[in-house]
């Protein structure tokens, strides 16, 4: 299902696969791709009292469906790369964040 709630046609699925391949491939070709993952629709939330609720978190009618870690010299560069994400043409959104290394 698309972020706009509509079921895509087989042609739309094929087109989106091509767009995703080109987007990810373009980042990889620049040696800027670190990792990318798609998240399952199954999940659980554990609170501070160890209560477990099944399902995924949906906030403002949106849910996290995947993530991508890229190499960028600046936040502005990362934002520019994110503007090419195919999910935007489906009504979705992209959140850009820096990574803060953990102290050991």
N, C-alpha and C. Protein backbone atom coordinates (compact mmCIF):
# COMPACT_ATOMS: atom_id res chain seq x y z
N UNK A 1 0.84 -1.18 0.00
CA UNK A 1 0.00 0.00 0.00
C UNK A 1 0.89 1.24 0.00
N UNK A 2 0.46 2.24 -0.70
CA UNK A 2 1.20 3.48 -0.80
C UNK A 2 0.89 4.38 0.40
N UNK A 3 1.78 5.36 0.70
CA UNK A 3 1.50 6.29 1.79
C UNK A 3 0.16 7.01 1.64
N UNK A 4 -0.32 7.17 0.41
CA UNK A 4 -1.60 7.86 0.21
C UNK A 4 -2.79 6.92 0.40
N UNK A 5 -2.54 5.67 0.80
CA UNK A 5 -3.61 4.72 1.11
C UNK A 5 -4.13 3.94 -0.06
N UNK A 6 -3.64 4.18 -1.26
CA UNK A 6 -4.12 3.48 -2.45
C UNK A 6 -3.26 2.25 -2.73
N UNK A 7 -3.90 1.22 -3.25
CA UNK A 7 -3.18 0.02 -3.66
C UNK A 7 -2.57 0.26 -5.04
N UNK A 8 -1.24 0.09 -5.20
CA UNK A 8 -0.63 0.35 -6.50
C UNK A 8 -0.94 -0.75 -7.52
N UNK A 9 -0.96 -0.38 -8.78
CA UNK A 9 -1.14 -1.36 -9.86
C UNK A 9 0.20 -2.05 -10.10
N UNK A 10 0.20 -3.13 -10.86
CA UNK A 10 1.45 -3.84 -11.15
C UNK A 10 2.41 -2.94 -11.94
N UNK A 11 1.88 -2.11 -12.83
CA UNK A 11 2.73 -1.18 -13.57
C UNK A 11 3.36 -0.15 -12.63
N UNK A 12 2.59 0.33 -11.66
CA UNK A 12 3.12 1.29 -10.70
C UNK A 12 4.20 0.65 -9.83
N UNK A 13 3.99 -0.61 -9.45
CA UNK A 13 4.99 -1.32 -8.64
C UNK A 13 6.28 -1.45 -9.43
N UNK A 14 6.18 -1.83 -10.69
CA UNK A 14 7.36 -1.97 -11.55
C UNK A 14 8.09 -0.63 -11.70
N UNK A 15 7.32 0.42 -11.91
CA UNK A 15 7.90 1.76 -12.05
C UNK A 15 8.61 2.19 -10.77
N UNK A 16 7.99 1.92 -9.62
CA UNK A 16 8.59 2.30 -8.34
C UNK A 16 9.87 1.51 -8.08
N UNK A 17 9.88 0.23 -8.44
CA UNK A 17 11.10 -0.57 -8.27
C UNK A 17 12.24 0.02 -9.09
N UNK A 18 11.92 0.45 -10.30
CA UNK A 18 12.94 1.07 -11.15
C UNK A 18 13.45 2.38 -10.53
N UNK A 19 12.52 3.18 -10.01
CA UNK A 19 12.90 4.45 -9.39
C UNK A 19 13.77 4.22 -8.16
N UNK A 20 13.38 3.24 -7.32
CA UNK A 20 14.17 2.94 -6.13
C UNK A 20 15.55 2.42 -6.52
N UNK A 21 15.60 1.55 -7.52
CA UNK A 21 16.88 1.02 -7.98
C UNK A 21 17.80 2.13 -8.48
N UNK A 22 17.24 3.05 -9.25
CA UNK A 22 18.02 4.17 -9.77
C UNK A 22 18.48 5.10 -8.63
N UNK A 23 17.60 5.35 -7.68
CA UNK A 23 17.93 6.24 -6.56
C UNK A 23 19.05 5.64 -5.71
N UNK A 24 18.86 4.40 -5.28
CA UNK A 24 19.87 3.74 -4.44
C UNK A 24 21.15 3.50 -5.24
N UNK A 25 21.01 3.08 -6.50
CA UNK A 25 22.17 2.86 -7.35
C UNK A 25 22.98 4.12 -7.57
N UNK A 26 22.30 5.24 -7.73
CA UNK A 26 22.99 6.52 -7.91
C UNK A 26 23.80 6.91 -6.69
N UNK A 27 23.24 6.67 -5.52
CA UNK A 27 23.97 6.97 -4.28
C UNK A 27 25.16 6.03 -4.14
N UNK A 28 24.95 4.75 -4.43
CA UNK A 28 26.04 3.76 -4.35
C UNK A 28 27.15 4.08 -5.35
N UNK A 29 26.78 4.53 -6.55
CA UNK A 29 27.77 4.84 -7.58
C UNK A 29 28.69 5.99 -7.16
N UNK A 30 28.20 6.83 -6.26
CA UNK A 30 29.01 7.94 -5.74
C UNK A 30 29.78 7.54 -4.48
N UNK A 31 29.70 6.24 -4.12
CA UNK A 31 30.34 5.71 -2.90
C UNK A 31 29.82 6.41 -1.65
N UNK A 32 28.53 6.76 -1.65
CA UNK A 32 27.91 7.44 -0.52
C UNK A 32 26.93 6.55 0.25
N UNK A 33 26.66 5.35 -0.26
CA UNK A 33 25.70 4.46 0.40
C UNK A 33 26.41 3.64 1.47
N UNK A 34 25.92 3.72 2.71
CA UNK A 34 26.44 2.91 3.80
C UNK A 34 25.54 1.69 3.99
N UNK A 35 24.24 1.92 4.12
CA UNK A 35 23.29 0.81 4.28
C UNK A 35 21.88 1.30 3.98
N UNK A 36 21.02 0.35 3.67
CA UNK A 36 19.61 0.65 3.48
C UNK A 36 18.81 -0.57 3.90
N UNK A 37 17.70 -0.34 4.57
CA UNK A 37 16.84 -1.45 5.01
C UNK A 37 15.38 -1.07 4.85
N UNK A 38 14.58 -2.07 4.61
CA UNK A 38 13.13 -1.92 4.58
C UNK A 38 12.61 -2.60 5.84
N UNK A 39 11.71 -1.96 6.54
CA UNK A 39 11.20 -2.51 7.80
C UNK A 39 9.94 -3.34 7.57
N UNK A 40 9.81 -4.41 8.36
CA UNK A 40 8.64 -5.28 8.30
C UNK A 40 7.42 -4.55 8.86
N UNK A 41 6.25 -5.03 8.49
CA UNK A 41 5.00 -4.44 9.00
C UNK A 41 4.61 -5.01 10.36
N UNK A 42 5.42 -5.90 10.87
CA UNK A 42 5.18 -6.52 12.18
C UNK A 42 6.14 -5.87 13.17
N UNK A 43 5.65 -5.56 14.36
CA UNK A 43 6.51 -4.94 15.35
C UNK A 43 5.91 -4.99 16.74
N UNK A 44 6.64 -4.47 17.71
CA UNK A 44 6.18 -4.42 19.09
C UNK A 44 6.77 -3.19 19.75
N UNK A 45 6.05 -2.66 20.73
CA UNK A 45 6.51 -1.52 21.51
C UNK A 45 6.56 -1.96 22.97
N UNK A 46 7.70 -1.75 23.61
CA UNK A 46 7.88 -2.12 25.02
C UNK A 46 8.04 -0.83 25.80
N UNK A 47 7.20 -0.64 26.82
CA UNK A 47 7.29 0.59 27.61
C UNK A 47 8.21 0.39 28.82
N UNK A 48 8.35 1.44 29.63
CA UNK A 48 9.26 1.39 30.77
C UNK A 48 8.82 0.45 31.88
N UNK A 49 7.60 -0.05 31.81
CA UNK A 49 7.11 -1.04 32.78
C UNK A 49 7.15 -2.44 32.18
N UNK A 50 7.79 -2.56 31.03
CA UNK A 50 7.96 -3.82 30.30
C UNK A 50 6.66 -4.37 29.73
N UNK A 51 5.66 -3.52 29.58
CA UNK A 51 4.44 -3.91 28.89
C UNK A 51 4.73 -3.95 27.40
N UNK A 52 4.23 -4.97 26.74
CA UNK A 52 4.48 -5.13 25.31
C UNK A 52 3.17 -4.96 24.55
N UNK A 53 3.15 -4.04 23.60
CA UNK A 53 2.00 -3.93 22.69
C UNK A 53 2.49 -4.29 21.30
N UNK A 54 1.70 -5.12 20.64
CA UNK A 54 2.08 -5.53 19.29
C UNK A 54 1.58 -4.52 18.28
N UNK A 55 2.25 -4.48 17.16
CA UNK A 55 1.91 -3.53 16.11
C UNK A 55 3.01 -2.51 15.95
N UNK A 56 2.87 -1.69 14.94
CA UNK A 56 3.88 -0.66 14.67
C UNK A 56 3.35 0.70 15.09
N UNK A 57 4.25 1.61 15.33
CA UNK A 57 3.88 2.96 15.74
C UNK A 57 3.45 3.77 14.52
N UNK A 58 2.30 4.39 14.65
CA UNK A 58 1.79 5.27 13.60
C UNK A 58 1.54 6.63 14.25
N UNK A 59 2.24 7.64 13.77
CA UNK A 59 2.08 9.00 14.29
C UNK A 59 1.72 9.91 13.13
N UNK A 60 0.71 10.74 13.33
CA UNK A 60 0.26 11.65 12.27
C UNK A 60 -0.05 10.91 10.97
N UNK A 61 -0.61 9.71 11.10
CA UNK A 61 -0.98 8.88 9.95
C UNK A 61 0.22 8.42 9.14
N UNK A 62 1.41 8.44 9.73
CA UNK A 62 2.63 7.99 9.05
C UNK A 62 3.35 6.98 9.92
N UNK A 63 4.10 6.10 9.26
CA UNK A 63 4.91 5.14 9.97
C UNK A 63 6.26 5.02 9.28
N UNK A 64 7.26 4.62 10.01
CA UNK A 64 8.59 4.44 9.45
C UNK A 64 8.60 3.14 8.66
N UNK A 65 8.96 3.21 7.39
CA UNK A 65 8.94 2.01 6.55
C UNK A 65 10.33 1.54 6.15
N UNK A 66 11.34 2.33 6.43
CA UNK A 66 12.70 1.93 6.11
C UNK A 66 13.67 3.01 6.51
N UNK A 67 14.96 2.70 6.33
CA UNK A 67 15.96 3.72 6.59
C UNK A 67 17.15 3.54 5.66
N UNK A 68 17.90 4.60 5.54
CA UNK A 68 19.08 4.59 4.69
C UNK A 68 20.14 5.42 5.39
N UNK A 69 21.34 4.88 5.45
CA UNK A 69 22.48 5.62 5.99
C UNK A 69 23.39 5.94 4.81
N UNK A 70 23.68 7.21 4.66
CA UNK A 70 24.54 7.66 3.56
C UNK A 70 25.72 8.45 4.12
N UNK A 71 26.74 8.60 3.30
CA UNK A 71 27.87 9.47 3.63
C UNK A 71 27.61 10.81 2.96
N UNK A 72 27.66 11.86 3.73
CA UNK A 72 27.50 13.21 3.18
C UNK A 72 28.45 14.13 3.92
N UNK A 73 29.00 15.09 3.22
CA UNK A 73 29.95 16.02 3.85
C UNK A 73 29.25 17.05 4.71
N UNK A 74 27.99 17.36 4.37
CA UNK A 74 27.24 18.36 5.13
C UNK A 74 25.78 17.90 5.26
N UNK A 75 25.10 18.51 6.19
CA UNK A 75 23.67 18.24 6.36
C UNK A 75 22.91 18.68 5.11
N UNK A 76 23.34 19.78 4.52
CA UNK A 76 22.71 20.29 3.30
C UNK A 76 22.85 19.27 2.17
N UNK A 77 24.01 18.65 2.03
CA UNK A 77 24.21 17.64 1.00
C UNK A 77 23.28 16.44 1.24
N UNK A 78 23.17 16.00 2.49
CA UNK A 78 22.29 14.88 2.81
C UNK A 78 20.84 15.22 2.47
N UNK A 79 20.44 16.45 2.76
CA UNK A 79 19.08 16.89 2.45
C UNK A 79 18.84 16.92 0.95
N UNK A 80 19.82 17.37 0.19
CA UNK A 80 19.69 17.38 -1.28
C UNK A 80 19.52 15.97 -1.82
N UNK A 81 20.31 15.03 -1.31
CA UNK A 81 20.19 13.64 -1.74
C UNK A 81 18.79 13.11 -1.40
N UNK A 82 18.31 13.41 -0.20
CA UNK A 82 16.99 12.93 0.24
C UNK A 82 15.86 13.47 -0.63
N UNK A 83 16.03 14.63 -1.22
CA UNK A 83 15.00 15.20 -2.08
C UNK A 83 14.73 14.34 -3.31
N UNK A 84 15.65 13.42 -3.64
CA UNK A 84 15.46 12.53 -4.78
C UNK A 84 14.79 11.21 -4.42
N UNK A 85 14.40 11.04 -3.15
CA UNK A 85 13.82 9.77 -2.70
C UNK A 85 12.46 9.52 -3.35
N UNK A 86 12.28 8.33 -3.94
CA UNK A 86 11.02 8.01 -4.63
C UNK A 86 9.78 8.03 -3.74
N UNK A 87 9.93 7.87 -2.44
CA UNK A 87 8.76 7.86 -1.56
C UNK A 87 8.03 9.20 -1.61
N UNK A 88 8.75 10.27 -1.95
CA UNK A 88 8.14 11.60 -2.02
C UNK A 88 7.08 11.67 -3.11
N UNK A 89 7.31 10.96 -4.22
CA UNK A 89 6.33 10.97 -5.31
C UNK A 89 5.10 10.12 -4.99
N UNK A 90 5.16 9.37 -3.89
CA UNK A 90 4.03 8.53 -3.47
C UNK A 90 3.24 9.19 -2.34
N UNK A 91 3.59 10.42 -2.00
CA UNK A 91 2.89 11.10 -0.91
C UNK A 91 3.55 10.89 0.44
N UNK A 92 4.69 10.21 0.47
CA UNK A 92 5.40 9.97 1.73
C UNK A 92 6.32 11.13 2.07
N UNK A 93 7.08 10.95 3.13
CA UNK A 93 8.02 11.98 3.55
C UNK A 93 9.35 11.34 3.94
N UNK A 94 10.37 12.16 4.01
CA UNK A 94 11.71 11.72 4.36
C UNK A 94 12.20 12.58 5.51
N UNK A 95 12.74 11.95 6.53
CA UNK A 95 13.35 12.67 7.64
C UNK A 95 14.86 12.51 7.52
N UNK A 96 15.58 13.62 7.60
CA UNK A 96 17.04 13.60 7.50
C UNK A 96 17.61 13.90 8.88
N UNK A 97 18.54 13.06 9.32
CA UNK A 97 19.20 13.27 10.61
C UNK A 97 20.66 12.90 10.49
N UNK A 98 21.47 13.54 11.30
CA UNK A 98 22.87 13.16 11.41
C UNK A 98 23.00 11.99 12.36
N UNK A 99 24.15 11.35 12.32
CA UNK A 99 24.44 10.25 13.23
C UNK A 99 25.43 10.75 14.27
N UNK A 100 25.13 10.50 15.53
CA UNK A 100 26.00 10.88 16.63
C UNK A 100 26.70 9.62 17.13
N UNK A 101 28.03 9.57 16.99
CA UNK A 101 28.75 8.37 17.44
C UNK A 101 28.57 8.15 18.95
N UNK A 102 28.47 6.89 19.33
CA UNK A 102 28.35 6.53 20.75
C UNK A 102 29.74 6.59 21.39
N UNK A 103 29.79 7.13 22.58
CA UNK A 103 31.06 7.14 23.32
C UNK A 103 31.26 5.79 23.96
N UNK A 104 32.50 5.32 23.96
CA UNK A 104 32.77 4.02 24.59
C UNK A 104 33.65 4.18 25.80
